[in-house]
N, C-alpha and C. Protein backbone atom coordinates (compact mmCIF):
# COMPACT_ATOMS: atom_id res chain seq x y z
N MET A 1 63.18 -236.88 18.17
CA MET A 1 61.55 -237.16 18.02
C MET A 1 61.79 -238.58 18.26
N GLY A 2 61.16 -239.16 19.13
CA GLY A 2 61.11 -240.88 19.09
C GLY A 2 59.64 -241.29 19.07
N VAL A 3 59.93 -242.41 18.22
CA VAL A 3 58.65 -242.99 17.74
C VAL A 3 57.99 -243.88 18.80
N ILE A 4 56.84 -243.94 19.28
CA ILE A 4 56.24 -244.49 20.38
C ILE A 4 55.64 -245.91 19.92
N SER A 5 54.68 -245.47 18.79
CA SER A 5 54.00 -246.44 17.91
C SER A 5 53.53 -245.81 16.93
N ARG A 6 53.01 -246.29 15.93
CA ARG A 6 52.53 -245.96 14.44
C ARG A 6 51.81 -244.70 14.59
N GLY A 7 52.23 -243.63 14.42
CA GLY A 7 51.78 -242.21 14.05
C GLY A 7 51.95 -241.54 15.35
N VAL A 8 52.26 -241.78 16.43
CA VAL A 8 52.25 -241.28 17.99
C VAL A 8 53.61 -241.38 18.11
N TYR A 9 54.22 -239.87 18.13
CA TYR A 9 55.63 -239.53 18.82
C TYR A 9 55.64 -238.92 20.06
N ARG A 10 56.84 -239.00 20.42
CA ARG A 10 57.29 -238.67 21.80
C ARG A 10 58.45 -237.65 21.66
N MET A 11 58.37 -236.37 22.21
CA MET A 11 59.35 -235.39 21.88
C MET A 11 60.31 -235.65 22.90
N GLU A 12 61.53 -235.58 22.61
CA GLU A 12 62.89 -235.57 23.48
C GLU A 12 62.87 -234.44 24.33
N GLN A 13 63.32 -234.45 25.44
CA GLN A 13 63.37 -233.38 26.32
C GLN A 13 64.86 -233.38 27.14
N ASP A 14 65.58 -232.50 27.42
CA ASP A 14 67.04 -232.16 27.98
C ASP A 14 66.40 -231.81 29.52
N LEU A 15 66.94 -232.26 30.29
CA LEU A 15 66.96 -231.88 31.75
C LEU A 15 68.44 -231.86 32.18
N ILE A 16 68.65 -230.53 32.80
CA ILE A 16 70.10 -230.51 33.56
C ILE A 16 69.70 -230.81 34.85
N VAL A 17 70.56 -231.83 35.68
CA VAL A 17 70.26 -232.34 37.00
C VAL A 17 71.67 -232.13 37.56
N LYS A 18 71.84 -231.51 38.82
CA LYS A 18 73.41 -231.67 39.11
C LYS A 18 73.35 -233.13 39.80
N GLY A 19 74.61 -233.38 40.39
CA GLY A 19 74.83 -234.81 41.16
C GLY A 19 76.05 -235.04 41.20
N ARG A 20 76.58 -236.36 41.70
CA ARG A 20 77.79 -236.92 41.96
C ARG A 20 77.77 -238.10 41.43
N LEU A 21 79.15 -238.52 40.50
CA LEU A 21 79.50 -239.56 39.85
C LEU A 21 80.14 -240.54 41.39
N VAL A 22 79.41 -241.76 41.95
CA VAL A 22 79.48 -242.17 42.85
C VAL A 22 80.34 -243.88 42.90
N GLY A 23 80.30 -244.01 41.68
CA GLY A 23 80.89 -245.31 41.31
C GLY A 23 81.26 -245.35 39.75
N PRO A 24 81.69 -246.30 38.99
CA PRO A 24 82.11 -246.13 37.81
C PRO A 24 80.76 -246.33 36.82
N LYS A 25 79.57 -246.81 37.39
CA LYS A 25 78.59 -246.92 36.65
C LYS A 25 77.23 -246.48 37.46
N THR A 26 77.60 -245.50 38.34
CA THR A 26 76.61 -244.83 39.08
C THR A 26 76.56 -243.39 39.40
N VAL A 27 75.39 -242.86 39.20
CA VAL A 27 75.20 -241.41 39.21
C VAL A 27 74.34 -241.09 40.38
N GLU A 28 74.71 -240.31 41.27
CA GLU A 28 73.76 -239.88 42.37
C GLU A 28 73.00 -238.63 42.00
N LEU A 29 71.81 -238.43 41.83
CA LEU A 29 71.13 -237.05 41.52
C LEU A 29 70.92 -236.13 42.60
N ASP A 30 70.93 -234.90 42.51
CA ASP A 30 70.50 -233.97 43.60
C ASP A 30 69.23 -233.83 43.81
N GLN A 31 68.39 -234.15 42.70
CA GLN A 31 67.12 -233.80 42.89
C GLN A 31 66.36 -235.05 42.08
N PRO A 32 64.92 -235.77 42.07
CA PRO A 32 64.60 -236.42 41.14
C PRO A 32 63.87 -235.88 39.91
N ILE A 33 63.92 -236.74 38.82
CA ILE A 33 63.62 -236.41 37.35
C ILE A 33 62.34 -237.25 37.33
N PRO A 34 61.46 -236.05 36.97
CA PRO A 34 59.88 -236.15 36.61
C PRO A 34 59.82 -237.29 35.84
N GLY A 35 58.48 -237.89 35.70
CA GLY A 35 57.97 -239.07 34.69
C GLY A 35 58.07 -240.42 34.90
N ALA A 36 57.63 -241.06 34.39
CA ALA A 36 57.87 -242.61 34.25
C ALA A 36 59.11 -243.20 33.82
N PRO A 37 59.34 -244.49 34.49
CA PRO A 37 60.93 -244.95 33.91
C PRO A 37 61.01 -245.16 32.66
N CYS A 38 62.07 -244.56 32.01
CA CYS A 38 62.44 -244.58 30.65
C CYS A 38 63.83 -244.80 30.22
N ASP A 39 64.18 -244.97 28.93
CA ASP A 39 65.81 -245.27 28.83
C ASP A 39 66.11 -243.85 28.40
N VAL A 40 67.44 -243.20 28.96
CA VAL A 40 67.93 -242.00 29.19
C VAL A 40 69.37 -242.29 28.63
N GLU A 41 69.68 -241.04 28.27
CA GLU A 41 71.36 -240.79 27.63
C GLU A 41 71.86 -239.96 28.31
N VAL A 42 73.12 -240.31 28.96
CA VAL A 42 73.54 -239.53 30.37
C VAL A 42 75.03 -238.94 29.37
N VAL A 43 74.98 -237.58 29.76
CA VAL A 43 76.26 -237.06 29.26
C VAL A 43 76.86 -236.60 30.65
N VAL A 44 78.06 -236.71 31.16
CA VAL A 44 78.69 -235.93 32.00
C VAL A 44 79.77 -235.28 32.06
N HIS A 45 79.61 -234.12 32.74
CA HIS A 45 80.41 -232.87 32.37
C HIS A 45 81.35 -233.07 33.66
N LEU A 46 82.43 -233.45 34.13
CA LEU A 46 83.06 -233.41 35.31
C LEU A 46 83.34 -231.81 35.89
N GLN A 47 83.18 -231.34 37.20
CA GLN A 47 83.07 -230.00 37.64
C GLN A 47 84.39 -230.15 38.19
N SER A 48 84.98 -228.92 37.92
CA SER A 48 86.56 -229.01 38.58
C SER A 48 86.66 -229.54 39.95
N SER A 49 85.53 -228.86 40.86
CA SER A 49 85.82 -229.13 42.12
C SER A 49 85.65 -230.90 42.64
N THR A 50 84.84 -231.31 41.85
CA THR A 50 84.97 -232.82 41.99
C THR A 50 86.07 -233.55 41.22
N ALA A 51 86.30 -232.97 40.30
CA ALA A 51 86.80 -233.81 38.96
C ALA A 51 88.89 -233.81 39.92
N SER A 52 89.20 -234.94 39.88
CA SER A 52 90.87 -234.95 40.70
C SER A 52 91.76 -235.22 40.00
N ASN A 53 92.74 -234.59 40.18
CA ASN A 53 93.90 -234.98 39.44
C ASN A 53 95.27 -235.47 40.04
N GLY A 54 95.06 -235.50 41.54
CA GLY A 54 95.98 -235.84 42.60
C GLY A 54 96.69 -234.88 42.71
N GLY A 55 96.06 -233.77 42.43
CA GLY A 55 96.88 -232.40 43.10
C GLY A 55 98.11 -232.06 41.73
N GLN A 56 98.19 -232.89 40.83
CA GLN A 56 99.31 -232.53 39.98
C GLN A 56 98.96 -231.35 39.15
N SER A 57 99.74 -230.43 38.66
CA SER A 57 99.42 -229.29 37.86
C SER A 57 99.67 -229.90 36.59
N VAL A 58 99.17 -229.04 35.41
CA VAL A 58 99.02 -229.78 33.96
C VAL A 58 100.59 -229.87 33.60
N PHE A 59 101.13 -228.52 34.12
CA PHE A 59 102.75 -228.65 33.74
C PHE A 59 103.81 -229.87 34.57
N ASP A 60 103.13 -230.06 35.61
CA ASP A 60 103.79 -231.42 36.14
C ASP A 60 103.59 -232.75 35.28
N PHE A 61 102.15 -232.86 34.62
CA PHE A 61 101.82 -233.79 34.02
C PHE A 61 102.32 -233.81 32.83
N LEU A 62 102.55 -232.74 32.05
CA LEU A 62 103.25 -232.81 30.90
C LEU A 62 104.83 -233.15 30.97
N ARG A 63 105.58 -232.68 32.19
CA ARG A 63 106.81 -233.12 32.45
C ARG A 63 107.07 -234.32 32.55
N SER A 64 105.68 -235.21 33.11
CA SER A 64 105.86 -236.70 33.05
C SER A 64 105.80 -237.38 32.13
N LEU A 65 105.47 -236.98 30.89
CA LEU A 65 105.33 -237.76 29.83
C LEU A 65 106.74 -237.65 28.87
N PRO A 66 106.99 -239.10 28.39
CA PRO A 66 107.90 -239.43 27.58
C PRO A 66 108.11 -238.51 26.43
N GLY A 67 109.48 -238.00 26.35
CA GLY A 67 109.61 -237.26 25.21
C GLY A 67 109.50 -237.72 23.55
N GLY A 68 109.05 -236.88 22.91
CA GLY A 68 108.85 -237.03 21.37
C GLY A 68 110.03 -238.11 20.72
N ALA A 69 109.84 -238.53 19.86
CA ALA A 69 110.75 -239.42 18.60
C ALA A 69 111.22 -238.33 17.78
N ARG A 70 110.57 -237.30 17.23
CA ARG A 70 110.78 -236.45 16.18
C ARG A 70 112.09 -235.68 16.58
N SER A 71 113.07 -235.21 15.65
CA SER A 71 114.08 -234.13 16.02
C SER A 71 113.61 -232.62 15.64
N LYS A 72 114.16 -231.82 16.32
CA LYS A 72 114.02 -230.62 16.14
C LYS A 72 113.50 -230.13 14.58
N ALA A 73 114.51 -230.50 13.74
CA ALA A 73 114.93 -230.56 12.32
C ALA A 73 113.49 -230.91 11.64
N GLU A 74 113.10 -232.12 11.86
CA GLU A 74 111.94 -232.76 11.58
C GLU A 74 110.44 -232.09 11.87
N ILE A 75 110.73 -231.53 12.90
CA ILE A 75 109.45 -230.48 13.50
C ILE A 75 109.47 -229.29 12.38
N ASP A 76 110.80 -228.65 12.51
CA ASP A 76 110.97 -227.36 11.33
C ASP A 76 110.57 -227.83 10.28
N ARG A 77 111.06 -228.78 9.74
CA ARG A 77 110.54 -228.99 8.11
C ARG A 77 109.14 -229.37 7.84
N GLN A 78 108.14 -229.90 9.16
CA GLN A 78 106.95 -229.88 8.84
C GLN A 78 106.18 -228.73 8.97
N VAL A 79 106.57 -228.01 9.78
CA VAL A 79 106.25 -226.65 10.02
C VAL A 79 106.14 -225.92 9.07
N ARG A 80 107.75 -225.75 8.29
CA ARG A 80 107.90 -225.18 7.19
C ARG A 80 106.95 -225.59 5.89
N GLU A 81 106.78 -226.74 5.57
CA GLU A 81 106.10 -227.21 4.50
C GLU A 81 104.65 -227.07 4.76
N GLU A 82 104.04 -226.58 5.96
CA GLU A 82 102.76 -226.42 6.19
C GLU A 82 102.23 -225.02 5.83
N ARG A 83 103.45 -223.95 6.64
CA ARG A 83 103.52 -222.65 5.92
C ARG A 83 103.45 -222.17 4.38
N ASP A 84 104.32 -223.06 4.13
CA ASP A 84 104.59 -222.81 2.61
C ASP A 84 103.21 -223.31 1.55
N SER A 85 102.43 -224.06 2.33
CA SER A 85 101.17 -224.61 1.51
C SER A 85 99.88 -223.67 1.51
N TRP A 86 100.25 -222.77 2.36
CA TRP A 86 99.24 -221.62 2.71
C TRP A 86 99.27 -220.71 1.69
N GLY A 87 100.31 -220.57 1.04
CA GLY A 87 100.29 -219.42 -0.36
C GLY A 87 100.82 -218.44 0.02
N THR A 88 100.75 -217.27 -0.54
CA THR A 88 101.22 -215.92 -0.29
C THR A 88 100.13 -214.54 -0.44
N GLU A 89 98.98 -215.07 -0.24
CA GLU A 89 97.96 -214.24 -0.52
C GLU A 89 97.63 -213.29 0.76
């Protein structure tokens, strides 16, 4: 709830409107939003049909990442310590 003036409150309203991200700071909506101009907060959920990864699979992306710096022994030690901290209950 936002305060418009002393003793006057405005209820926040969430609207879901589909659209397209057409620039780094520009969203084109599929339908108009009712009401007078006002400040808004925008949350963007990229749709799989419009999100682009250049056609690369997640596995290809993971293979393209540099290898980690820890050895197998270091990782095994960390896993063992974590499991030991769980107790035997």
